[in-house]
């Protein structure tokens, strides 16, 4: 694609934002939905519940096909946004004031994204959970300087899943994400199409990006860090606003939940303590739905849940105090700021609900993990480093060979929250503290909680994309920790190939 056609695409797409009731596309002065009008229940003929604003639905990103590549456009830029209803906050967003549009593509498609940086700082865009060549991964080795445009392109080669994109500049990931840079990338395929799950985006299939903020009295973001915890705030948002509600028109609603916080862990559940069905994790559908009353998500993790609704009965998605567990537990220990309880999203059913298909008992075929491997690796999360080595952009910490199964053991030596994220390929969890994983962890994962003073064992195999020069990352996804150096680099090479 030549320079003039690039400019034409940028001009055409950026000048024509998607506008829809409750969406967060628009100009750099757009505000979040108010309690009345298009951003409220008035769109369905029902008044908004008192004190609530309608959940903003990130618009579907527009695209253009050229030479067999479907191109999206993102602009990282400053904006202003009403995180709380009565104050305006200076923010950053992708092609809008806060967060970003939802990119969506099918397995087998070739996609490209033109990312232009209109921020005053160098940033990057990492396609979290995406299987793609290392040179397009969007980590610290693919910086985008102010006014520059980066154009990665790759083939979608993975199952249907809820992925997301966010900044990954070394040392600044936490602040760039905290200011509002994040968005969804949804992958579709035939299995997902035929799974029988709610699938009308923005109606019964709702994206829910959960983040926490700390606001000054004038509405500006407070970026002063709490000692040992990074940027953690008492203001919890759904798709960028507090007091969010979603009008529900069907008797089942699918929530695609992303923990987009920089540091905070959420223990999700419904206010009535009722069950919900977990149908997917980071890398896509589970083999079968899992009924739970609580689900812990650490930063970077995703889950899709189906909630049963009844006319006239509101249900609220909340975060409850995170369970405190030591080395014998399956989950993270509650660190600083993990003991609070928050309301995230009110689900408000209409007087009449359309019936939905019951969740199938079988969702996807997931092969059993390889329990033996010729290559084993150990990773110790020990403060601000992994295996005693802080992140070094010039050091390769591991080299994997395409199609060779590996088993990774990740140990958390602290009595505080850590997790572990691997770029490029998803993995399967073999054990948590030596025991089989709970069923909600039995699918494809790219981010997993590592219990305090405990460990996880992972089955990992890297498929294709051999590159002896460009590395991928593994790291704790609590963003302050990765910024401080709890991150390493690995190469994927072909058989007999040596790293450069």
Protein backbone atom coordinates (compact mmCIF):
# COMPACT_ATOMS: atom_id res chain seq x y z
CA UNK A 1 0.00 0.00 0.00
CA UNK A 2 1.62 3.28 -1.08
CA UNK A 3 1.95 6.44 0.96
CA UNK A 4 -0.89 8.25 -0.84
CA UNK A 5 -3.33 5.38 -0.43
CA UNK A 6 -2.40 5.18 3.27
CA UNK A 7 -3.25 8.84 3.70
CA UNK A 8 -6.50 8.39 1.84
CA UNK A 9 -7.52 5.53 4.12
CA UNK A 10 -6.58 7.49 7.23
CA UNK A 11 -8.47 10.56 6.07
CA UNK A 12 -11.54 8.60 5.04
CA UNK A 13 -11.89 6.46 8.12
CA UNK A 14 -10.96 9.00 10.76
CA UNK A 15 -13.30 11.65 9.33
CA UNK A 16 -16.27 9.25 9.40
CA UNK A 17 -16.66 7.87 12.94
CA UNK A 18 -19.39 5.38 13.67
CA UNK A 19 -22.21 7.05 15.56
CA UNK A 20 -24.79 5.00 17.44
CA UNK A 21 -26.82 5.29 20.61
CA UNK A 22 -24.65 4.41 23.54
CA UNK A 23 -21.46 4.11 21.43
CA UNK A 24 -18.26 5.86 22.32
CA UNK A 25 -17.13 6.88 18.87
CA UNK A 26 -16.95 10.55 18.03
CA UNK A 27 -14.80 13.64 18.18
CA UNK A 28 -12.19 14.57 20.76
CA UNK A 29 -14.78 16.61 22.67
CA UNK A 30 -17.48 13.96 22.87
CA UNK A 31 -18.89 13.13 26.29
CA UNK A 32 -19.96 9.83 27.78
CA UNK A 33 -23.69 8.99 27.72
CA UNK A 34 -25.86 11.11 29.96
CA UNK A 35 -28.83 9.94 32.00
CA UNK A 36 -31.25 11.02 29.28
CA UNK A 37 -31.64 10.80 25.50
CA UNK A 38 -29.79 8.52 23.13
CA UNK A 39 -27.39 7.29 25.79
CA UNK A 40 -30.10 6.02 28.13
CA UNK A 41 -32.99 3.65 28.24
CA UNK A 42 -34.97 6.18 26.21
CA UNK A 43 -33.64 4.44 23.11
CA UNK A 44 -35.86 1.46 24.03
CA UNK A 45 -38.76 3.51 25.33
CA UNK A 46 -37.81 2.88 28.97
CA UNK A 47 -36.43 5.45 31.43
CA UNK A 48 -32.91 4.92 32.72
CA UNK A 49 -32.75 3.58 36.28
CA UNK A 50 -32.17 6.48 38.66
CA UNK A 51 -28.51 7.35 39.00
CA UNK A 52 -27.36 5.18 36.09
CA UNK A 53 -26.06 5.83 32.59
CA UNK A 54 -26.42 3.43 29.71
CA UNK A 55 -23.41 1.19 29.12
CA UNK A 56 -21.42 2.63 26.18
CA UNK A 57 -20.92 0.00 23.48
CA UNK A 58 -17.60 0.41 21.62
CA UNK A 59 -18.54 0.79 17.95
CA UNK A 60 -17.53 -1.78 15.36
CA UNK A 61 -14.45 -0.46 13.61
CA UNK A 62 -14.85 0.40 9.95
CA UNK A 63 -12.51 -1.26 7.48
CA UNK A 64 -11.47 -1.19 3.84
CA UNK A 65 -10.23 -4.07 1.68
CA UNK A 66 -7.25 -3.48 -0.57
CA UNK A 67 -5.28 -6.18 -2.40
CA UNK A 68 -6.87 -8.90 -0.30
CA UNK A 69 -6.09 -7.21 3.04
CA UNK A 70 -8.83 -5.80 5.24
CA UNK A 71 -7.41 -2.62 6.73
CA UNK A 72 -8.52 -1.01 9.99
CA UNK A 73 -7.36 2.39 11.19
CA UNK A 74 -6.59 3.44 14.76
CA UNK A 75 -5.42 6.83 15.99
CA UNK A 76 -3.93 7.06 19.48
CA UNK A 77 -4.98 10.54 20.55
CA UNK A 78 -5.97 12.73 23.51
CA UNK A 79 -9.60 13.30 24.39
CA UNK A 80 -12.03 14.24 27.15
CA UNK A 81 -14.56 11.92 28.78
CA UNK A 82 -17.11 11.82 31.59
CA UNK A 83 -15.87 8.86 33.61
CA UNK A 84 -18.18 10.08 36.35
CA UNK A 85 -21.30 11.95 35.31
CA UNK A 86 -20.51 15.34 36.82
CA UNK A 87 -16.84 15.77 35.84
CA UNK A 88 -14.87 15.80 32.60
CA UNK A 89 -11.55 13.98 32.58
CA UNK A 90 -8.66 14.45 30.11
CA UNK A 91 -8.07 10.99 28.62
CA UNK A 92 -6.37 9.06 25.83
CA UNK A 93 -8.14 6.79 23.40
CA UNK A 94 -7.94 5.02 20.06
CA UNK A 95 -9.90 6.97 17.39
CA UNK A 96 -12.15 8.30 20.15
CA UNK A 97 -11.96 9.94 23.54
CA UNK A 98 -11.49 6.82 25.68
CA UNK A 99 -10.86 3.15 24.89
CA UNK A 100 -11.20 2.18 21.22
CA UNK A 101 -13.51 0.69 18.60
CA UNK A 102 -14.02 -3.06 18.40
CA UNK A 103 -12.00 -4.67 15.62
CA UNK A 104 -13.56 -7.87 14.30
CA UNK A 105 -12.33 -10.44 11.78
CA UNK A 106 -12.83 -14.07 10.80
CA UNK A 107 -10.40 -16.92 10.96
CA UNK A 108 -8.54 -17.12 7.64
CA UNK A 109 -8.83 -13.41 6.84
CA UNK A 110 -5.77 -11.25 6.23
CA UNK A 111 -6.02 -8.06 8.24
CA UNK A 112 -3.92 -4.96 8.63
CA UNK A 113 -4.10 -2.08 11.08
CA UNK A 114 -2.78 1.40 10.37
CA UNK A 115 -1.93 2.84 13.77
CA UNK A 116 -1.12 6.52 13.88
CA UNK A 117 0.29 8.10 17.04
CA UNK A 118 -1.10 11.58 17.76
CA UNK A 119 0.04 11.49 21.38
CA UNK A 120 2.94 13.52 22.80
CA UNK A 121 4.77 10.31 23.75
CA UNK A 122 6.03 7.19 21.98
CA UNK A 123 3.62 4.30 22.43
CA UNK A 124 2.88 0.89 20.90
CA UNK A 125 -0.15 -1.35 20.31
CA UNK A 126 0.02 -4.98 21.41
CA UNK A 127 -2.57 -7.43 20.08
CA UNK A 128 -3.10 -9.31 23.34
CA UNK A 129 -3.96 -12.97 22.74
CA UNK A 130 -3.33 -12.80 18.99
CA UNK A 131 -1.30 -15.45 17.16
CA UNK A 132 0.86 -13.47 14.74
CA UNK A 133 4.47 -12.86 13.64
CA UNK A 134 6.76 -11.39 16.30
CA UNK A 135 7.54 -8.30 14.22
CA UNK A 136 3.83 -7.37 14.32
CA UNK A 137 3.22 -8.27 17.98
CA UNK A 138 3.23 -4.65 19.11
CA UNK A 139 5.47 -5.12 22.14
CA UNK A 140 8.36 -2.93 23.26
CA UNK A 141 10.29 -3.64 20.05
CA UNK A 142 7.63 -2.01 17.84
CA UNK A 143 7.48 1.58 19.17
CA UNK A 144 5.43 4.23 17.40
CA UNK A 145 6.88 7.72 17.81
CA UNK A 146 4.62 10.81 17.82
CA UNK A 147 3.17 11.56 14.34
CA UNK A 148 4.38 8.18 13.00
CA UNK A 149 2.19 5.39 11.54
CA UNK A 150 2.78 1.65 12.04
CA UNK A 151 1.20 -0.88 9.66
CA UNK A 152 1.22 -4.51 10.85
CA UNK A 153 -0.55 -7.12 8.73
CA UNK A 154 -1.19 -10.81 9.38
CA UNK A 155 -3.53 -13.76 8.78
CA UNK A 156 -6.10 -14.55 11.48
CA UNK A 157 -5.15 -18.13 12.37
CA UNK A 158 -6.89 -19.02 15.64
CA UNK A 159 -10.30 -19.98 17.03
CA UNK A 160 -13.09 -17.55 17.82
CA UNK A 161 -12.19 -15.57 20.93
CA UNK A 162 -12.43 -12.27 22.79
CA UNK A 163 -9.02 -10.61 22.48
CA UNK A 164 -7.97 -7.06 23.24
CA UNK A 165 -5.39 -4.48 22.25
CA UNK A 166 -3.49 -2.11 24.50
CA UNK A 167 -0.17 -0.22 24.73
CA UNK A 168 3.06 -2.05 25.50
CA UNK A 169 5.90 0.54 25.53
CA UNK A 170 8.64 -0.60 27.88
CA UNK A 171 8.36 1.25 31.17
CA UNK A 172 5.13 3.10 30.28
CA UNK A 173 2.55 0.34 29.73
CA UNK A 174 0.77 1.11 33.00
CA UNK A 175 0.31 4.85 32.48
CA UNK A 176 -0.69 4.61 28.81
CA UNK A 177 -3.35 1.99 29.56
CA UNK A 178 -4.54 3.81 32.68
CA UNK A 179 -5.13 6.95 30.62
CA UNK A 180 -7.58 5.02 28.45
CA UNK A 181 -5.80 3.18 25.63
CA UNK A 182 -7.52 -0.20 25.23
CA UNK A 183 -9.99 -1.91 22.91
CA UNK A 184 -11.44 -5.25 21.84
CA UNK A 185 -10.44 -7.47 18.91
CA UNK A 186 -13.05 -10.18 18.33
CA UNK A 187 -12.22 -13.26 16.27
CA UNK A 188 -15.03 -15.28 14.66
CA UNK A 189 -15.11 -18.75 13.14
CA UNK A 190 -17.63 -21.46 12.23
CA UNK A 191 -17.45 -23.10 15.65
CA UNK A 192 -18.25 -19.83 17.35
CA UNK A 193 -21.05 -19.13 14.88
CA UNK A 194 -22.65 -22.49 15.62
CA UNK A 195 -22.19 -22.49 19.38
CA UNK A 196 -25.75 -21.36 20.05
CA UNK A 197 -24.68 -18.42 22.24
CA UNK A 198 -26.18 -14.91 22.23
CA UNK A 199 -24.44 -13.16 19.34
CA UNK A 200 -26.10 -9.82 18.53
CA UNK A 201 -23.31 -7.39 19.35
CA UNK A 202 -24.42 -4.63 21.69
CA UNK A 203 -27.85 -6.20 22.28
CA UNK A 204 -27.50 -9.64 23.89
CA UNK A 205 -23.71 -9.94 23.33
CA UNK A 206 -22.16 -7.17 25.41
CA UNK A 207 -18.50 -6.18 25.70
CA UNK A 208 -17.56 -5.19 29.26
CA UNK A 209 -14.09 -3.69 29.74
CA UNK A 210 -13.55 -3.31 33.49
CA UNK A 211 -11.01 -0.76 34.71
CA UNK A 212 -10.35 1.20 37.87
CA UNK A 213 -9.36 4.86 38.11
CA UNK A 214 -8.38 7.37 40.76
CA UNK A 215 -9.76 10.85 40.14
CA UNK A 216 -8.73 14.22 41.55
CA UNK A 217 -11.51 16.61 42.67
CA UNK A 218 -11.22 18.51 39.37
CA UNK A 219 -11.80 15.31 37.39
CA UNK A 220 -8.23 14.75 36.23
CA UNK A 221 -6.65 11.32 36.62
CA UNK A 222 -4.54 10.94 39.72
CA UNK A 223 -1.37 9.16 38.57
CA UNK A 224 0.30 9.05 41.97
CA UNK A 225 1.05 5.42 42.74
CA UNK A 226 0.30 3.67 45.98
CA UNK A 227 3.42 2.12 47.48
CA UNK A 228 3.86 -1.41 46.21
CA UNK A 229 0.58 -1.52 44.27
CA UNK A 230 1.01 0.81 41.32
CA UNK A 231 -2.01 2.68 39.94
CA UNK A 232 -5.01 1.38 41.85
CA UNK A 233 -8.14 3.48 42.26
CA UNK A 234 -11.52 3.32 44.01
CA UNK A 235 -13.50 4.30 40.89
CA UNK A 236 -14.40 1.15 38.95
CA UNK A 237 -15.76 1.57 35.43
CA UNK A 238 -17.48 -0.52 32.76
CA UNK A 239 -16.58 0.60 29.24
CA UNK A 240 -15.29 3.85 30.66
CA UNK A 241 -18.10 5.00 32.96
CA UNK A 242 -19.31 4.53 36.50
CA UNK A 243 -22.92 3.71 37.24
CA UNK A 244 -23.37 1.72 34.03
CA UNK A 245 -26.53 -0.14 33.18
CA UNK A 246 -27.52 -2.22 30.16
CA UNK A 247 -31.14 -2.66 29.04
CA UNK A 248 -31.73 -6.35 28.41
CA UNK A 249 -34.24 -7.56 25.81
CA UNK A 250 -33.55 -11.33 25.85
CA UNK A 251 -33.73 -13.92 28.61
CA UNK A 252 -30.04 -14.70 28.25
CA UNK A 253 -27.25 -12.18 27.89
CA UNK A 254 -23.61 -12.85 27.04
CA UNK A 255 -20.98 -10.66 28.71
CA UNK A 256 -17.49 -10.55 27.18
CA UNK A 257 -15.54 -9.41 30.23
CA UNK A 258 -12.01 -8.02 30.01
CA UNK A 259 -10.00 -7.14 33.09
CA UNK A 260 -8.43 -4.05 31.54
CA UNK A 261 -7.13 -2.70 34.84
CA UNK A 262 -3.45 -2.12 35.28
CA UNK A 263 -3.19 -3.76 38.70
CA UNK A 264 -6.56 -4.61 40.23
CA UNK A 265 -7.89 -8.18 40.54
CA UNK A 266 -11.66 -8.72 40.33
CA UNK A 267 -13.74 -11.46 41.95
CA UNK A 268 -16.82 -11.36 39.78
CA UNK A 269 -20.29 -12.49 40.75
CA UNK A 270 -23.95 -11.49 40.72
CA UNK A 271 -25.54 -9.49 43.50
CA UNK A 272 -28.10 -12.22 44.19
CA UNK A 273 -25.33 -14.84 44.48
CA UNK A 274 -26.88 -16.71 41.59
CA UNK A 275 -25.07 -18.89 39.12
CA UNK A 276 -23.84 -17.84 35.70
CA UNK A 277 -22.31 -19.93 32.93
CA UNK A 278 -18.68 -19.45 31.93
CA UNK A 279 -18.53 -20.32 28.23
CA UNK A 280 -15.11 -18.99 27.15
CA UNK A 281 -11.76 -17.91 28.51
CA UNK A 282 -8.78 -16.03 27.01
CA UNK A 283 -8.30 -18.16 23.91
CA UNK A 284 -11.90 -18.98 23.08
CA UNK A 285 -14.74 -21.35 23.92
CA UNK A 286 -14.46 -23.91 26.69
CA UNK A 287 -15.28 -27.53 25.93
CA UNK A 288 -18.46 -27.19 28.01
CA UNK A 289 -20.11 -24.42 30.05
CA UNK A 290 -19.06 -24.12 33.69
CA UNK A 291 -21.58 -22.97 36.29
CA UNK A 292 -20.06 -20.64 38.89
CA UNK A 293 -21.03 -18.04 41.44
CA UNK A 294 -17.61 -16.37 41.55
CA UNK A 295 -14.89 -15.91 38.93
CA UNK A 296 -11.51 -14.29 39.63
CA UNK A 297 -9.92 -12.36 36.77
CA UNK A 298 -6.45 -10.86 37.05
CA UNK A 299 -5.29 -8.03 34.76
CA UNK A 300 -5.27 -9.10 31.11
CA UNK A 301 -7.58 -12.12 31.57
CA UNK A 302 -10.88 -12.43 29.73
CA UNK A 303 -13.99 -14.51 30.24
CA UNK A 304 -17.32 -14.84 28.49
CA UNK A 305 -20.29 -15.55 30.71
CA UNK A 306 -23.99 -16.10 30.03
CA UNK A 307 -26.44 -14.66 32.56
CA UNK A 308 -30.06 -15.82 32.74
CA UNK A 309 -32.57 -12.97 33.06
CA UNK A 310 -36.23 -12.73 34.02
CA UNK A 311 -38.58 -9.87 33.23
CA UNK A 312 -38.77 -7.39 36.07
CA UNK A 313 -35.77 -8.78 37.96
CA UNK A 314 -32.62 -6.72 37.74
CA UNK A 315 -29.25 -8.39 38.29
CA UNK A 316 -25.97 -6.66 38.96
CA UNK A 317 -22.47 -7.77 38.06
CA UNK A 318 -20.26 -6.99 41.05
CA UNK A 319 -16.71 -7.53 42.19
CA UNK A 320 -16.46 -9.08 45.63
CA UNK A 321 -13.41 -9.17 47.92
CA UNK A 322 -10.69 -11.34 46.40
CA UNK A 323 -10.22 -14.54 48.42
CA UNK A 324 -7.04 -14.65 50.46
CA UNK A 325 -5.24 -17.85 49.61
CA UNK A 326 -1.78 -19.06 50.39
CA UNK A 327 0.38 -21.58 48.61
CA UNK A 328 -2.27 -24.31 48.91
CA UNK A 329 -4.99 -22.23 47.22
CA UNK A 330 -5.85 -21.97 43.56
CA UNK A 331 -6.26 -18.22 43.33
CA UNK A 332 -4.20 -15.14 44.10
CA UNK A 333 -3.79 -13.76 47.57
CA UNK A 334 -5.52 -10.49 48.24
CA UNK A 335 -2.90 -7.80 48.09
CA UNK A 336 -3.33 -4.13 48.79
CA UNK A 337 -6.66 -2.75 47.50
CA UNK A 338 -8.03 -6.22 46.72
CA UNK A 339 -10.47 -6.37 49.61
CA UNK A 340 -13.07 -3.90 48.36
CA UNK A 341 -16.44 -4.59 46.77
CA UNK A 342 -17.71 -2.77 43.69
CA UNK A 343 -20.76 -2.56 41.47
CA UNK A 344 -19.76 -2.93 37.82
CA UNK A 345 -22.87 -3.24 35.65
CA UNK A 346 -26.62 -3.26 36.28
CA UNK A 347 -28.54 -5.56 33.94
CA UNK A 348 -32.03 -4.11 33.59
CA UNK A 349 -34.54 -6.39 31.80
CA UNK A 350 -37.37 -5.00 29.72
CA UNK A 351 -40.99 -5.93 30.61
CA UNK A 352 -40.98 -8.59 27.89
CA UNK A 353 -37.93 -10.66 27.04
CA UNK A 354 -37.31 -12.59 23.84
CA UNK A 355 -36.52 -16.26 24.51
CA UNK A 356 -32.96 -17.41 23.79
CA UNK A 357 -31.57 -20.82 23.00
CA UNK A 358 -30.32 -22.69 26.07
CA UNK A 359 -26.55 -22.89 26.33
CA UNK A 360 -25.40 -26.14 24.67
CA UNK A 361 -23.74 -28.76 26.84
CA UNK A 362 -20.86 -29.02 24.34
CA UNK A 363 -19.20 -25.86 23.01
CA UNK A 364 -15.88 -26.71 21.37
CA UNK A 365 -13.41 -29.54 20.88
CA UNK A 366 -10.26 -28.92 22.90
CA UNK A 367 -7.48 -31.48 22.53
CA UNK A 368 -5.91 -32.88 25.70
CA UNK A 369 -2.67 -31.11 26.60
CA UNK A 370 0.69 -32.77 26.22
CA UNK A 371 1.65 -33.88 29.72
CA UNK A 372 5.19 -34.81 28.75
CA UNK A 373 7.70 -32.75 26.85
CA UNK A 374 11.37 -32.92 25.97
CA UNK A 375 11.80 -29.25 26.89
CA UNK A 376 10.98 -27.95 30.36
CA UNK A 377 11.49 -24.44 31.66
CA UNK A 378 11.11 -22.77 35.03
CA UNK A 379 10.21 -19.16 35.71
CA UNK A 380 10.41 -17.66 39.18
CA UNK A 381 8.54 -14.42 39.80
CA UNK A 382 10.74 -12.89 42.44
CA UNK A 383 10.00 -9.24 43.02
CA UNK A 384 10.72 -7.01 40.05
CA UNK A 385 12.35 -9.68 37.93
CA UNK A 386 11.96 -13.19 36.56
CA UNK A 387 14.60 -15.76 37.53
CA UNK A 388 16.52 -12.92 39.15
CA UNK A 389 16.96 -11.04 35.86
CA UNK A 390 15.13 -7.76 35.22
CA UNK A 391 13.96 -7.08 31.68
CA UNK A 392 16.77 -6.27 29.21
CA UNK A 393 15.77 -5.33 25.66
CA UNK A 394 19.11 -6.67 24.40
CA UNK A 395 18.91 -10.09 26.10
CA UNK A 396 17.09 -13.18 24.85
CA UNK A 397 16.03 -15.32 27.80
CA UNK A 398 14.73 -18.41 25.97
CA UNK A 399 14.60 -19.91 22.48
CA UNK A 400 11.78 -22.28 21.53
CA UNK A 401 11.53 -24.45 18.42
CA UNK A 402 8.40 -24.55 16.28
CA UNK A 403 6.11 -27.52 17.01
CA UNK A 404 8.22 -28.83 19.92
CA UNK A 405 6.02 -29.26 23.04
CA UNK A 406 7.31 -27.62 26.21
CA UNK A 407 6.24 -27.59 29.83
CA UNK A 408 6.71 -24.35 31.75
CA UNK A 409 6.58 -24.18 35.55
CA UNK A 410 5.92 -20.69 36.87
CA UNK A 411 6.42 -20.04 40.59
CA UNK A 412 5.33 -17.03 42.61
CA UNK A 413 7.67 -16.57 45.58
CA UNK A 414 5.64 -13.75 47.13
CA UNK A 415 2.59 -13.46 49.31
CA UNK A 416 1.05 -11.03 46.83
CA UNK A 417 -0.70 -11.05 43.49
CA UNK A 418 1.16 -12.03 40.32
CA UNK A 419 0.06 -13.53 37.04
CA UNK A 420 1.84 -14.72 33.90
CA UNK A 421 1.15 -13.75 30.29
CA UNK A 422 2.74 -15.33 27.21
CA UNK A 423 2.66 -13.59 23.84
CA UNK A 424 1.81 -15.34 20.53
CA UNK A 425 0.48 -18.82 21.39
CA UNK A 426 -2.11 -19.84 23.93
CA UNK A 427 -1.25 -22.50 26.49
CA UNK A 428 -3.11 -25.09 28.54
CA UNK A 429 -2.93 -25.21 32.32
CA UNK A 430 -1.73 -28.61 33.54
CA UNK A 431 -1.73 -27.96 37.27
CA UNK A 432 -2.18 -25.31 39.92
CA UNK A 433 -0.07 -26.07 42.97
CA UNK A 434 0.21 -29.65 41.80
CA UNK A 435 -3.53 -30.22 41.44
CA UNK A 436 -5.61 -30.34 38.25
CA UNK A 437 -6.90 -26.90 37.25
CA UNK A 438 -10.52 -25.94 37.93
CA UNK A 439 -12.78 -26.36 34.88
CA UNK A 440 -12.83 -22.62 34.08
CA UNK A 441 -9.05 -22.89 33.46
CA UNK A 442 -9.33 -25.99 31.27
CA UNK A 443 -9.53 -24.06 27.99
CA UNK A 444 -6.99 -22.06 26.02
CA UNK A 445 -5.28 -19.38 28.10
CA UNK A 446 -2.70 -16.65 27.54
CA UNK A 447 -2.76 -15.14 31.04
CA UNK A 448 -3.07 -17.06 34.29
CA UNK A 449 -2.98 -16.21 37.99
CA UNK A 450 0.00 -17.66 39.84
CA UNK A 451 -0.97 -18.33 43.49
CA UNK A 452 1.05 -16.58 46.13
CA UNK A 453 3.85 -18.88 47.30
CA UNK A 454 2.55 -21.32 44.70
CA UNK A 455 3.00 -22.42 41.10
CA UNK A 456 1.31 -23.30 37.83
CA UNK A 457 2.42 -25.80 35.17
CA UNK A 458 1.68 -24.94 31.57
CA UNK A 459 1.71 -26.96 28.35
CA UNK A 460 3.14 -24.71 25.65
CA UNK A 461 3.82 -25.34 21.97
CA UNK A 462 4.63 -22.61 19.46
CA UNK A 463 3.18 -23.03 15.98
CA UNK A 464 4.85 -21.43 12.93
CA UNK A 465 6.18 -17.85 12.71
CA UNK A 466 9.81 -18.83 13.20
CA UNK A 467 11.92 -15.69 13.48
CA UNK A 468 15.51 -15.77 14.78
CA UNK A 469 15.64 -11.99 15.29
CA UNK A 470 12.36 -10.63 16.63
CA UNK A 471 11.35 -11.76 20.14
CA UNK A 472 8.05 -12.21 21.91
CA UNK A 473 7.49 -11.37 25.59
CA UNK A 474 6.45 -13.24 28.71
CA UNK A 475 5.71 -11.26 31.84
CA UNK A 476 3.56 -10.56 34.83
CA UNK A 477 0.55 -8.67 33.47
CA UNK A 478 0.17 -6.51 36.55
CA UNK A 479 1.43 -3.58 34.56
CA UNK A 480 3.50 -1.88 37.22
CA UNK A 481 5.37 -5.15 37.68
CA UNK A 482 6.16 -5.53 33.97
CA UNK A 483 7.20 -1.88 33.74
CA UNK A 484 9.56 -2.46 36.67
CA UNK A 485 11.23 -5.40 34.93
CA UNK A 486 9.19 -8.55 35.61
CA UNK A 487 9.40 -9.50 31.95
CA UNK A 488 11.54 -11.65 29.68
CA UNK A 489 11.99 -12.30 25.97
CA UNK A 490 11.91 -15.45 23.87
CA UNK A 491 12.49 -16.35 20.25
CA UNK A 492 10.71 -18.97 18.17
CA UNK A 493 12.97 -20.65 15.59
CA UNK A 494 12.62 -23.43 13.05
CA UNK A 495 14.22 -26.89 13.44
CA UNK A 496 18.00 -26.54 13.32
CA UNK A 497 17.74 -22.75 13.13
CA UNK A 498 19.89 -20.61 15.39
CA UNK A 499 18.97 -17.31 16.99
CA UNK A 500 20.69 -14.32 15.37
